[in-house]
C-alpha atoms as a PDB file:
ATOM      1  CA  MET A   1     100.070 102.075 109.039  1.00  0.00           C
ATOM      2  CA  SER A   2      96.339 102.789 108.786  1.00  0.00           C
ATOM      3  CA  GLN A   3      94.804 101.106 105.760  1.00  0.00           C
ATOM      4  CA  SER A   4      91.434 100.086 104.446  1.00  0.00           C
ATOM      5  CA  SER A   5      90.775  96.802 102.702  1.00  0.00           C
ATOM      6  CA  GLU A   6      89.333  98.608  99.676  1.00  0.00           C
ATOM      7  CA  ASN A   7      92.403 100.814  99.160  1.00  0.00           C
ATOM      8  CA  PHE A   8      94.799  97.938  99.720  1.00  0.00           C
ATOM      9  CA  ASN A   9      92.967  95.673  97.292  1.00  0.00           C
ATOM     10  CA  THR A  10      93.297  98.142  94.433  1.00  0.00           C
ATOM     11  CA  HIS A  11      96.958  97.021  94.191  1.00  0.00           C
ATOM     12  CA  ALA A  12      96.303  93.273  94.578  1.00  0.00           C
ATOM     13  CA  THR A  13      96.615  91.463  91.247  1.00  0.00           C
ATOM     14  CA  HIS A  14      96.130  88.008  92.765  1.00  0.00           C
ATOM     15  CA  PRO A  15      93.836  86.501  95.452  1.00  0.00           C
ATOM     16  CA  LEU A  16      96.856  85.692  97.638  1.00  0.00           C
ATOM     17  CA  GLN A  17      97.701  89.378  97.828  1.00  0.00           C
ATOM     18  CA  THR A  18      94.223  90.511  98.886  1.00  0.00           C
ATOM     19  CA  TRP A  19      93.424  92.000 102.269  1.00  0.00           C
ATOM     20  CA  GLU A  20      91.082  89.081 102.931  1.00  0.00           C
ATOM     21  CA  TRP A  21      93.804  86.513 102.292  1.00  0.00           C
ATOM     22  CA  GLY A  22      96.007  88.341 104.780  1.00  0.00           C
ATOM     23  CA  GLU A  23      93.214  88.267 107.373  1.00  0.00           C
ATOM     24  CA  PHE A  24      92.805  84.541 106.780  1.00  0.00           C
ATOM     25  CA  ARG A  25      96.527  83.968 107.298  1.00  0.00           C
ATOM     26  CA  LYS A  26      96.327  85.889 110.589  1.00  0.00           C
ATOM     27  CA  LYS A  27      93.579  83.535 111.783  1.00  0.00           C
ATOM     28  CA  TRP A  28      95.759  80.607 110.742  1.00  0.00           C
ATOM     29  CA  GLY A  29      98.473  81.937 113.020  1.00  0.00           C
ATOM     30  CA  ASN A  30     100.815  83.863 110.729  1.00  0.00           C
ATOM     31  CA  GLU A  31     102.046  87.354 111.278  1.00  0.00           C
ATOM     32  CA  VAL A  32     101.162  89.574 108.313  1.00  0.00           C
ATOM     33  CA  TYR A  33     103.085  92.669 107.326  1.00  0.00           C
ATOM     34  CA  ARG A  34     101.553  95.090 104.834  1.00  0.00           C
ATOM     35  CA  THR A  35     102.942  97.992 102.881  1.00  0.00           C
ATOM     36  CA  ASP A  36     100.888 100.213 100.574  1.00  0.00           C
ATOM     37  CA  SER A  37     101.117  97.714  97.701  1.00  0.00           C
ATOM     38  CA  TYR A  38     101.853  94.198  98.983  1.00  0.00           C
ATOM     39  CA  GLN A  39     101.805  91.928 102.018  1.00  0.00           C
ATOM     40  CA  LEU A  40     104.208  89.443 103.543  1.00  0.00           C
ATOM     41  CA  THR A  41     103.313  86.456 105.666  1.00  0.00           C
ATOM     42  CA  ILE A  42     105.764  85.428 108.388  1.00  0.00           C
ATOM     43  CA  HIS A  43     106.381  81.737 109.065  1.00  0.00           C
ATOM     44  CA  PRO A  44     108.318  79.938 111.821  1.00  0.00           C
ATOM     45  CA  LEU A  45     110.424  77.109 110.420  1.00  0.00           C
ATOM     46  CA  PRO A  46     109.046  73.600 111.054  1.00  0.00           C
ATOM     47  CA  ILE A  47     112.506  72.358 111.973  1.00  0.00           C
ATOM     48  CA  ALA A  48     113.356  75.328 114.264  1.00  0.00           C
ATOM     49  CA  LYS A  49     110.352  77.323 115.472  1.00  0.00           C
ATOM     50  CA  HIS A  50     112.476  80.204 116.829  1.00  0.00           C
ATOM     51  CA  LEU A  51     113.693  80.947 113.303  1.00  0.00           C
ATOM     52  CA  LYS A  52     111.415  82.702 110.825  1.00  0.00           C
ATOM     53  CA  VAL A  53     111.092  83.384 107.115  1.00  0.00           C
ATOM     54  CA  ALA A  54     108.727  85.591 105.152  1.00  0.00           C
ATOM     55  CA  THR A  55     106.916  84.958 101.881  1.00  0.00           C
ATOM     56  CA  LEU A  56     105.830  87.492  99.276  1.00  0.00           C
ATOM     57  CA  ILE A  57     103.662  85.323  97.061  1.00  0.00           C
ATOM     58  CA  ARG A  58     102.114  86.550  93.811  1.00  0.00           C
ATOM     59  CA  GLY A  59     103.120  90.091  94.636  1.00  0.00           C
ATOM     60  CA  PRO A  60     103.791  93.053  92.345  1.00  0.00           C
ATOM     61  CA  LYS A  61     106.645  93.684  89.967  1.00  0.00           C
ATOM     62  CA  PRO A  62     109.938  93.947  91.932  1.00  0.00           C
ATOM     63  CA  THR A  63     111.406  97.444  92.290  1.00  0.00           C
ATOM     64  CA  LYS A  64     114.412  99.074  93.923  1.00  0.00           C
ATOM     65  CA  LYS A  65     112.065 100.593  96.529  1.00  0.00           C
ATOM     66  CA  MET A  66     110.600  97.169  97.316  1.00  0.00           C
ATOM     67  CA  PHE A  67     114.002  95.614  97.925  1.00  0.00           C
ATOM     68  CA  GLY A  68     114.934  98.436 100.269  1.00  0.00           C
ATOM     69  CA  GLU A  69     111.776  97.772 102.276  1.00  0.00           C
ATOM     70  CA  LEU A  70     112.255  94.007 102.284  1.00  0.00           C
ATOM     71  CA  ILE A  71     115.885  94.063 103.358  1.00  0.00           C
ATOM     72  CA  GLY A  72     115.127  96.565 106.115  1.00  0.00           C
ATOM     73  CA  PHE A  73     112.189  94.505 107.367  1.00  0.00           C
ATOM     74  CA  ALA A  74     114.218  91.270 107.325  1.00  0.00           C
ATOM     75  CA  LYS A  75     117.069  92.766 109.342  1.00  0.00           C
ATOM     76  CA  LYS A  76     114.694  94.337 111.852  1.00  0.00           C
ATOM     77  CA  ASN A  77     112.901  91.029 112.375  1.00  0.00           C
ATOM     78  CA  ASN A  78     115.899  88.664 112.116  1.00  0.00           C
ATOM     79  CA  LEU A  79     114.521  86.705 109.166  1.00  0.00           C
ATOM     80  CA  LEU A  80     116.558  83.968 107.505  1.00  0.00           C
ATOM     81  CA  PHE A  81     115.262  84.929 104.080  1.00  0.00           C
ATOM     82  CA  ILE A  82     112.257  86.189 102.150  1.00  0.00           C
ATOM     83  CA  LYS A  83     110.728  83.958  99.488  1.00  0.00           C
ATOM     84  CA  ILE A  84     109.504  85.996  96.516  1.00  0.00           C
ATOM     85  CA  GLU A  85     107.177  84.759  93.769  1.00  0.00           C
ATOM     86  CA  PRO A  86     106.087  87.783  91.724  1.00  0.00           C
ATOM     87  CA  ASN A  87     102.826  87.641  89.803  1.00  0.00           C
ATOM     88  CA  ILE A  88     104.575  88.587  86.564  1.00  0.00           C
ATOM     89  CA  LEU A  89     105.487  86.637  83.464  1.00  0.00           C
ATOM     90  CA  GLN A  90     109.041  85.549  82.725  1.00  0.00           C
ATOM     91  CA  ASN A  91     111.320  88.306  81.457  1.00  0.00           C
ATOM     92  CA  THR A  92     115.036  89.061  81.510  1.00  0.00           C
ATOM     93  CA  LYS A  93     114.779  92.560  82.990  1.00  0.00           C
ATOM     94  CA  ASP A  94     113.067  91.500  86.221  1.00  0.00           C
ATOM     95  CA  GLU A  95     115.296  88.441  86.605  1.00  0.00           C
ATOM     96  CA  LYS A  96     118.349  90.706  86.395  1.00  0.00           C
ATOM     97  CA  LEU A  97     116.905  92.978  89.094  1.00  0.00           C
ATOM     98  CA  LEU A  98     116.226  90.007  91.381  1.00  0.00           C
ATOM     99  CA  LYS A  99     119.798  88.778  90.946  1.00  0.00           C
ATOM    100  CA  LYS A 100     121.181  92.287  91.467  1.00  0.00           C
ATOM    101  CA  TYR A 101     119.763  92.340  94.981  1.00  0.00           C
ATOM    102  CA  GLY A 102     121.147  88.909  95.850  1.00  0.00           C
ATOM    103  CA  CYS A 103     118.127  86.727  95.110  1.00  0.00           C
ATOM    104  CA  ILE A 104     118.766  83.123  94.142  1.00  0.00           C
ATOM    105  CA  LYS A 105     116.426  80.507  92.735  1.00  0.00           C
ATOM    106  CA  GLY A 106     114.462  78.903  95.571  1.00  0.00           C
ATOM    107  CA  LYS A 107     112.209  75.940  96.261  1.00  0.00           C
ATOM    108  CA  THR A 108     108.879  76.622  94.581  1.00  0.00           C
ATOM    109  CA  LEU A 109     105.566  77.175  96.290  1.00  0.00           C
ATOM    110  CA  PHE A 110     103.725  77.760  93.019  1.00  0.00           C
ATOM    111  CA  THR A 111     104.790  75.971  89.873  1.00  0.00           C
ATOM    112  CA  PRO A 112     106.771  78.353  87.624  1.00  0.00           C
ATOM    113  CA  SER A 113     104.323  77.805  84.765  1.00  0.00           C
ATOM    114  CA  SER A 114     100.570  77.629  84.513  1.00  0.00           C
ATOM    115  CA  PHE A 115      97.736  77.250  82.023  1.00  0.00           C
ATOM    116  CA  TRP A 116      95.481  80.126  81.002  1.00  0.00           C
ATOM    117  CA  ILE A 117      92.187  79.848  79.124  1.00  0.00           C
ATOM    118  CA  ASP A 118      90.941  82.913  77.261  1.00  0.00           C
ATOM    119  CA  LEU A 119      87.398  83.532  78.523  1.00  0.00           C
ATOM    120  CA  THR A 120      86.762  86.307  76.014  1.00  0.00           C
ATOM    121  CA  LYS A 121      86.367  83.725  73.229  1.00  0.00           C
ATOM    122  CA  SER A 122      82.910  82.447  72.366  1.00  0.00           C
ATOM    123  CA  GLU A 123      81.739  79.115  73.744  1.00  0.00           C
ATOM    124  CA  GLU A 124      81.711  77.776  70.191  1.00  0.00           C
ATOM    125  CA  ASP A 125      85.323  78.790  69.545  1.00  0.00           C
ATOM    126  CA  LEU A 126      86.446  77.391  72.881  1.00  0.00           C
ATOM    127  CA  LEU A 127      84.786  74.041  72.251  1.00  0.00           C
ATOM    128  CA  LYS A 128      86.331  73.842  68.783  1.00  0.00           C
ATOM    129  CA  SER A 129      89.769  74.422  70.289  1.00  0.00           C
ATOM    130  CA  PHE A 130      89.492  71.529  72.764  1.00  0.00           C
ATOM    131  CA  HIS A 131      91.032  68.149  72.036  1.00  0.00           C
ATOM    132  CA  SER A 132      88.513  65.862  70.365  1.00  0.00           C
ATOM    133  CA  LYS A 133      88.701  63.431  73.305  1.00  0.00           C
ATOM    134  CA  THR A 134      87.881  66.260  75.696  1.00  0.00           C
ATOM    135  CA  ARG A 135      84.832  67.304  73.678  1.00  0.00           C
ATOM    136  CA  TYR A 136      83.732  63.672  73.607  1.00  0.00           C
ATOM    137  CA  ASN A 137      84.103  63.329  77.395  1.00  0.00           C
ATOM    138  CA  ILE A 138      82.005  66.463  77.958  1.00  0.00           C
ATOM    139  CA  LYS A 139      79.247  64.902  75.833  1.00  0.00           C
ATOM    140  CA  VAL A 140      79.564  61.603  77.712  1.00  0.00           C
ATOM    141  CA  ALA A 141      78.984  63.394  81.028  1.00  0.00           C
ATOM    142  CA  GLY A 142      75.958  65.143  79.580  1.00  0.00           C
ATOM    143  CA  ARG A 143      74.478  61.879  78.263  1.00  0.00           C
ATOM    144  CA  HIS A 144      74.879  60.294  81.687  1.00  0.00           C
ATOM    145  CA  GLY A 145      72.974  63.136  83.275  1.00  0.00           C
ATOM    146  CA  VAL A 146      75.869  64.587  85.274  1.00  0.00           C
ATOM    147  CA  LEU A 147      74.789  67.937  86.720  1.00  0.00           C
ATOM    148  CA  VAL A 148      77.331  70.646  87.513  1.00  0.00           C
ATOM    149  CA  LYS A 149      76.320  73.763  89.425  1.00  0.00           C
ATOM    150  CA  GLU A 150      77.644  76.425  91.758  1.00  0.00           C
ATOM    151  CA  ASP A 151      76.608  75.565  95.299  1.00  0.00           C
ATOM    152  CA  ASN A 152      78.076  77.521  98.204  1.00  0.00           C
ATOM    153  CA  SER A 153      75.937  75.882 100.889  1.00  0.00           C
ATOM    154  CA  ASP A 154      77.317  74.572 104.163  1.00  0.00           C
ATOM    155  CA  GLN A 155      76.428  71.041 103.062  1.00  0.00           C
ATOM    156  CA  THR A 156      78.472  71.321  99.870  1.00  0.00           C
ATOM    157  CA  PHE A 157      81.447  72.746 101.756  1.00  0.00           C
ATOM    158  CA  GLU A 158      81.312  69.712 104.085  1.00  0.00           C
ATOM    159  CA  GLU A 159      81.216  67.474 101.011  1.00  0.00           C
ATOM    160  CA  PHE A 160      84.303  69.255  99.692  1.00  0.00           C
ATOM    161  CA  LEU A 161      86.149  68.508 102.948  1.00  0.00           C
ATOM    162  CA  GLU A 162      85.193  64.832 102.821  1.00  0.00           C
ATOM    163  CA  LEU A 163      86.174  64.470  99.179  1.00  0.00           C
ATOM    164  CA  TYR A 164      89.422  66.390  99.698  1.00  0.00           C
ATOM    165  CA  LYS A 165      90.353  64.044 102.527  1.00  0.00           C
ATOM    166  CA  GLU A 166      89.575  61.075 100.287  1.00  0.00           C
ATOM    167  CA  THR A 167      91.594  62.574  97.425  1.00  0.00           C
ATOM    168  CA  THR A 168      94.708  63.247  99.517  1.00  0.00           C
ATOM    169  CA  GLN A 169      94.664  59.737 100.949  1.00  0.00           C
ATOM    170  CA  ARG A 170      94.097  58.141  97.549  1.00  0.00           C
ATOM    171  CA  GLN A 171      96.787  60.121  95.759  1.00  0.00           C
ATOM    172  CA  GLY A 172      99.215  60.340  98.682  1.00  0.00           C
ATOM    173  CA  PHE A 173     100.031  64.062  98.574  1.00  0.00           C
ATOM    174  CA  TYR A 174     100.513  66.489 101.437  1.00  0.00           C
ATOM    175  CA  ALA A 175      97.819  69.133 101.745  1.00  0.00           C
ATOM    176  CA  HIS A 176      96.374  71.677 104.143  1.00  0.00           C
ATOM    177  CA  ASN A 177      94.184  70.290 106.897  1.00  0.00           C
ATOM    178  CA  GLU A 178      90.484  70.705 107.653  1.00  0.00           C
ATOM    179  CA  THR A 179      91.003  73.664 110.003  1.00  0.00           C
ATOM    180  CA  TYR A 180      92.907  75.542 107.297  1.00  0.00           C
ATOM    181  CA  PHE A 181      90.101  75.111 104.777  1.00  0.00           C
ATOM    182  CA  ARG A 182      87.392  76.106 107.273  1.00  0.00           C
ATOM    183  CA  LEU A 183      89.222  79.323 108.113  1.00  0.00           C
ATOM    184  CA  MET A 184      89.844  80.046 104.440  1.00  0.00           C
ATOM    185  CA  TRP A 185      86.216  79.474 103.433  1.00  0.00           C
ATOM    186  CA  ASN A 186      84.894  81.534 106.335  1.00  0.00           C
ATOM    187  CA  THR A 187      87.146  84.473 105.461  1.00  0.00           C
ATOM    188  CA  LEU A 188      87.048  84.373 101.656  1.00  0.00           C
ATOM    189  CA  HIS A 189      83.374  83.515 101.336  1.00  0.00           C
ATOM    190  CA  THR A 190      81.131  83.674 104.419  1.00  0.00           C
ATOM    191  CA  GLU A 191      82.486  86.890 105.947  1.00  0.00           C
ATOM    192  CA  MET A 192      82.654  88.623 102.583  1.00  0.00           C
ATOM    193  CA  ILE A 193      78.984  87.793 101.957  1.00  0.00           C
ATOM    194  CA  LYS A 194      78.071  89.146 105.413  1.00  0.00           C
ATOM    195  CA  ASN A 195      79.972  92.335 104.623  1.00  0.00           C
ATOM    196  CA  LYS A 196      78.108  92.630 101.298  1.00  0.00           C
ATOM    197  CA  LYS A 197      81.225  92.016  99.228  1.00  0.00           C
ATOM    198  CA  LEU A 198      81.585  89.741  96.230  1.00  0.00           C
ATOM    199  CA  PRO A 199      83.202  86.572  97.608  1.00  0.00           C
ATOM    200  CA  ILE A 200      86.617  85.492  96.414  1.00  0.00           C
ATOM    201  CA  ALA A 201      85.945  81.787  97.058  1.00  0.00           C
ATOM    202  CA  ARG A 202      83.122  79.787  95.441  1.00  0.00           C
ATOM    203  CA  ILE A 203      82.322  76.091  95.061  1.00  0.00           C
ATOM    204  CA  ILE A 204      81.056  74.135  92.081  1.00  0.00           C
ATOM    205  CA  LYS A 205      79.992  70.514  92.374  1.00  0.00           C
ATOM    206  CA  ALA A 206      79.233  67.628  90.038  1.00  0.00           C
ATOM    207  CA  GLU A 207      76.357  65.279  90.870  1.00  0.00           C
ATOM    208  CA  TYR A 208      75.439  61.944  89.350  1.00  0.00           C
ATOM    209  CA  GLN A 209      72.387  59.975  90.494  1.00  0.00           C
ATOM    210  CA  LYS A 210      72.116  62.290  93.528  1.00  0.00           C
ATOM    211  CA  GLN A 211      75.711  61.531  94.558  1.00  0.00           C
ATOM    212  CA  THR A 212      78.384  64.229  94.639  1.00  0.00           C
ATOM    213  CA  LEU A 213      81.324  63.036  92.564  1.00  0.00           C
ATOM    214  CA  ALA A 214      83.534  66.144  92.620  1.00  0.00           C
ATOM    215  CA  THR A 215      83.801  69.555  94.242  1.00  0.00           C
ATOM    216  CA  TRP A 216      86.089  72.394  93.214  1.00  0.00           C
ATOM    217  CA  VAL A 217      86.897  75.559  95.109  1.00  0.00           C
ATOM    218  CA  LEU A 218      87.343  78.435  92.674  1.00  0.00           C
ATOM    219  CA  PHE A 219      88.692  81.935  93.342  1.00  0.00           C
ATOM    220  CA  VAL A 220      87.431  85.029  91.563  1.00  0.00           C
ATOM    221  CA  TRP A 221      89.588  88.134  91.587  1.00  0.00           C
ATOM    222  CA  LYS A 222      89.357  91.094  89.246  1.00  0.00           C
ATOM    223  CA  ASP A 223      89.429  89.720  85.664  1.00  0.00           C
ATOM    224  CA  PHE A 224      90.600  86.225  86.615  1.00  0.00           C
ATOM    225  CA  LEU A 225      89.009  82.944  87.600  1.00  0.00           C
ATOM    226  CA  TYR A 226      91.326  80.524  89.440  1.00  0.00           C
ATOM    227  CA  TYR A 227      91.140  76.808  90.160  1.00  0.00           C
ATOM    228  CA  PRO A 228      93.192  76.221  93.329  1.00  0.00           C
ATOM    229  CA  TYR A 229      91.521  73.175  94.928  1.00  0.00           C
ATOM    230  CA  GLY A 230      89.785  70.139  93.487  1.00  0.00           C
ATOM    231  CA  ALA A 231      88.453  67.021  95.179  1.00  0.00           C
ATOM    232  CA  SER A 232      86.745  63.931  93.818  1.00  0.00           C
ATOM    233  CA  THR A 233      85.731  60.373  94.478  1.00  0.00           C
ATOM    234  CA  ASP A 234      87.098  57.488  92.436  1.00  0.00           C
ATOM    235  CA  LYS A 235      83.568  56.174  91.895  1.00  0.00           C
ATOM    236  CA  HIS A 236      81.787  56.392  88.545  1.00  0.00           C
ATOM    237  CA  LYS A 237      84.824  57.501  86.569  1.00  0.00           C
ATOM    238  CA  GLU A 238      83.032  56.303  83.440  1.00  0.00           C
ATOM    239  CA  VAL A 239      80.656  59.312  83.496  1.00  0.00           C
ATOM    240  CA  MET A 240      83.542  61.789  82.931  1.00  0.00           C
ATOM    241  CA  ALA A 241      82.320  64.292  85.536  1.00  0.00           C
ATOM    242  CA  SER A 242      85.632  66.198  85.677  1.00  0.00           C
ATOM    243  CA  SER A 243      85.501  67.101  81.976  1.00  0.00           C
ATOM    244  CA  LEU A 244      82.060  68.633  82.400  1.00  0.00           C
ATOM    245  CA  MET A 245      83.248  70.360  85.611  1.00  0.00           C
ATOM    246  CA  MET A 246      85.965  72.177  83.714  1.00  0.00           C
ATOM    247  CA  TRP A 247      83.614  73.190  80.922  1.00  0.00           C
ATOM    248  CA  GLU A 248      81.019  74.493  83.380  1.00  0.00           C
ATOM    249  CA  ALA A 249      83.746  76.373  85.294  1.00  0.00           C
ATOM    250  CA  ILE A 250      84.728  78.049  82.029  1.00  0.00           C
ATOM    251  CA  LYS A 251      81.099  79.013  81.389  1.00  0.00           C
ATOM    252  CA  LEU A 252      80.815  80.345  84.945  1.00  0.00           C
ATOM    253  CA  GLY A 253      83.841  82.568  84.352  1.00  0.00           C
ATOM    254  CA  LYS A 254      82.298  83.860  81.137  1.00  0.00           C
ATOM    255  CA  SER A 255      78.991  84.568  82.894  1.00  0.00           C
ATOM    256  CA  LEU A 256      80.897  86.692  85.428  1.00  0.00           C
ATOM    257  CA  ASN A 257      82.521  88.640  82.557  1.00  0.00           C
ATOM    258  CA  LEU A 258      85.995  87.462  83.539  1.00  0.00           C
ATOM    259  CA  LYS A 259      88.760  87.443  80.956  1.00  0.00           C
ATOM    260  CA  THR A 260      91.123  84.633  81.953  1.00  0.00           C
ATOM    261  CA  PHE A 261      90.851  81.261  83.685  1.00  0.00           C
ATOM    262  CA  ASP A 262      94.106  80.379  85.472  1.00  0.00           C
ATOM    263  CA  LEU A 263      94.271  76.627  86.068  1.00  0.00           C
ATOM    264  CA  TRP A 264      96.680  77.139  88.997  1.00  0.00           C
ATOM    265  CA  GLY A 265      99.791  75.335  87.959  1.00  0.00           C
ATOM    266  CA  ARG A 266     101.343  72.981  85.466  1.00  0.00           C
ATOM    267  CA  GLU A 267     103.651  70.045  86.173  1.00  0.00           C
ATOM    268  CA  GLN A 268     105.086  67.986  83.361  1.00  0.00           C
ATOM    269  CA  GLY A 269     104.236  64.304  83.564  1.00  0.00           C
ATOM    270  CA  LYS A 270     101.327  64.670  85.985  1.00  0.00           C
ATOM    271  CA  GLY A 271      98.014  63.098  85.056  1.00  0.00           C
ATOM    272  CA  PHE A 272      96.014  66.178  85.844  1.00  0.00           C
ATOM    273  CA  THR A 273      98.300  68.275  83.674  1.00  0.00           C
ATOM    274  CA  LYS A 274      97.378  66.046  80.759  1.00  0.00           C
ATOM    275  CA  PHE A 275      93.711  66.531  81.643  1.00  0.00           C
ATOM    276  CA  LYS A 276      94.121  70.331  81.583  1.00  0.00           C
ATOM    277  CA  GLU A 277      95.944  70.173  78.249  1.00  0.00           C
ATOM    278  CA  GLY A 278      92.806  68.750  76.687  1.00  0.00           C
ATOM    279  CA  PHE A 279      91.183  72.184  77.004  1.00  0.00           C
ATOM    280  CA  ASN A 280      93.860  73.784  74.815  1.00  0.00           C
ATOM    281  CA  PRO A 281      95.074  76.348  77.347  1.00  0.00           C
ATOM    282  CA  GLN A 282      97.923  78.768  76.780  1.00  0.00           C
ATOM    283  CA  VAL A 283     101.130  77.848  78.613  1.00  0.00           C
ATOM    284  CA  VAL A 284     102.438  80.825  80.598  1.00  0.00           C
ATOM    285  CA  GLU A 285     105.825  81.016  82.306  1.00  0.00           C
ATOM    286  CA  PHE A 286     106.248  83.192  85.377  1.00  0.00           C
ATOM    287  CA  VAL A 287     109.456  84.787  86.564  1.00  0.00           C
ATOM    288  CA  GLY A 288     109.602  82.011  89.154  1.00  0.00           C
ATOM    289  CA  THR A 289     110.561  81.525  92.783  1.00  0.00           C
ATOM    290  CA  TRP A 290     113.409  83.481  94.334  1.00  0.00           C
ATOM    291  CA  ASP A 291     114.896  83.550  97.814  1.00  0.00           C
ATOM    292  CA  LEU A 292     116.327  86.778  99.206  1.00  0.00           C
ATOM    293  CA  PRO A 293     118.836  85.536 101.835  1.00  0.00           C
ATOM    294  CA  THR A 294     119.107  87.836 104.841  1.00  0.00           C
ATOM    295  CA  SER A 295     121.064  85.621 107.254  1.00  0.00           C
ATOM    296  CA  PRO A 296     124.251  83.509 107.048  1.00  0.00           C
ATOM    297  CA  LEU A 297     122.123  80.566 108.274  1.00  0.00           C
ATOM    298  CA  TYR A 298     120.217  80.503 104.994  1.00  0.00           C
ATOM    299  CA  ARG A 299     122.372  77.839 103.320  1.00  0.00           C
ATOM    300  CA  VAL A 300     122.171  75.623 106.427  1.00  0.00           C
ATOM    301  CA  PHE A 301     118.401  75.901 106.222  1.00  0.00           C
ATOM    302  CA  ARG A 302     118.350  74.965 102.524  1.00  0.00           C
ATOM    303  CA  LEU A 303     120.303  71.783 103.228  1.00  0.00           C
ATOM    304  CA  ALA A 304     118.112  70.815 106.203  1.00  0.00           C
ATOM    305  CA  ASP A 305     114.902  71.570 104.306  1.00  0.00           C
ATOM    306  CA  SER A 306     116.000  69.488 101.328  1.00  0.00           C
ATOM    307  CA  THR A 307     116.718  66.564 103.659  1.00  0.00           C
ATOM    308  CA  ARG A 308     113.341  66.970 105.398  1.00  0.00           C
ATOM    309  CA  TRP A 309     111.382  66.866 102.137  1.00  0.00           C
ATOM    310  CA  SER A 310     113.334  63.843 100.924  1.00  0.00           C
ATOM    311  CA  ILE A 311     112.268  62.009 104.071  1.00  0.00           C
ATOM    312  CA  LEU A 312     108.626  63.126 103.710  1.00  0.00           C
ATOM    313  CA  ARG A 313     108.476  61.993 100.084  1.00  0.00           C
ATOM    314  CA  ALA A 314     109.989  58.638 100.979  1.00  0.00           C
ATOM    315  CA  THR A 315     107.665  58.003 103.933  1.00  0.00           C
ATOM    316  CA  SER A 316     104.562  59.081 101.981  1.00  0.00           C
ATOM    317  CA  LYS A 317     104.882  55.852  99.982  1.00  0.00           C
ATOM    318  CA  PHE A 318     104.169  53.906 103.169  1.00  0.00           C
ATOM    319  CA  ILE A 319     102.311  56.345 105.438  1.00  0.00           C
ATOM    320  CA  LYS A 320      99.179  58.071 104.188  1.00  0.00           C
ATOM    321  CA  PRO A 321      99.325  61.875 104.627  1.00  0.00           C
ATOM    322  CA  LYS A 322      96.952  63.168 107.309  1.00  0.00           C
ATOM    323  CA  PHE A 323      94.173  65.655 106.542  1.00  0.00           C
END
């Protein structure tokens, strides 16, 4: 199918459905399959490389036509299942359609809910809506002379990698490795700049006394600003750099005339969720994660995958995840 990136991107409502994201995934080693309105990435299973699954992440509203295409593609390519996470808010009608075609609730890639901040409000109204402690922390950062700015230089990207490595080791979570981030940044920023396109990926950083305390990778797509990746040091927590980072990210989104800031996920009980709540975001619930089984081996896979993740979570308490 002959396509152009411009035509394909007219249908993409999320950065992970853009042509550029698909090209990045190809460089990472995935097969990518595109139709006129969405793309799938194909993944070999970590526990059995000869078996494959596909993911349709943050794609369009499910339709009868889509399911016909997906089922046909899965059978042709001997897929165990297709994981579907539509970029649509929770509603009964679409859930019924997913169930009608045999989809069942699956292990999440994205959290089923997120936080949105309305960037069309004035800065004054936004500040008033924040928790009083959050407003105070923003002022504290300002009094300490914390400086937050967009900086897409090679040096800042290297600082992001160093801080991300430090963050994963400190907090003990599994994350993508350095090669993944280099490929992503090259495709979603550097190459887009060379091709005279507005980049999807950008970096903001917080500095204090000439030391970089935090770096965030932000995505810009259509009317949305996204916050997918954050990294920080545990030094100088008293200057509240992260609170100012969020406020400056909001102001960046407003300066770009974007309408919504998606904080990329919400997990009850997590410390960073509490941090995000201080900015009075709207809680949004998506239709969630669904698996479309296309092989009788699907249930065997689910059991093996559940066991694998139980082992990884248990060992992460004693073995630091690698970056």
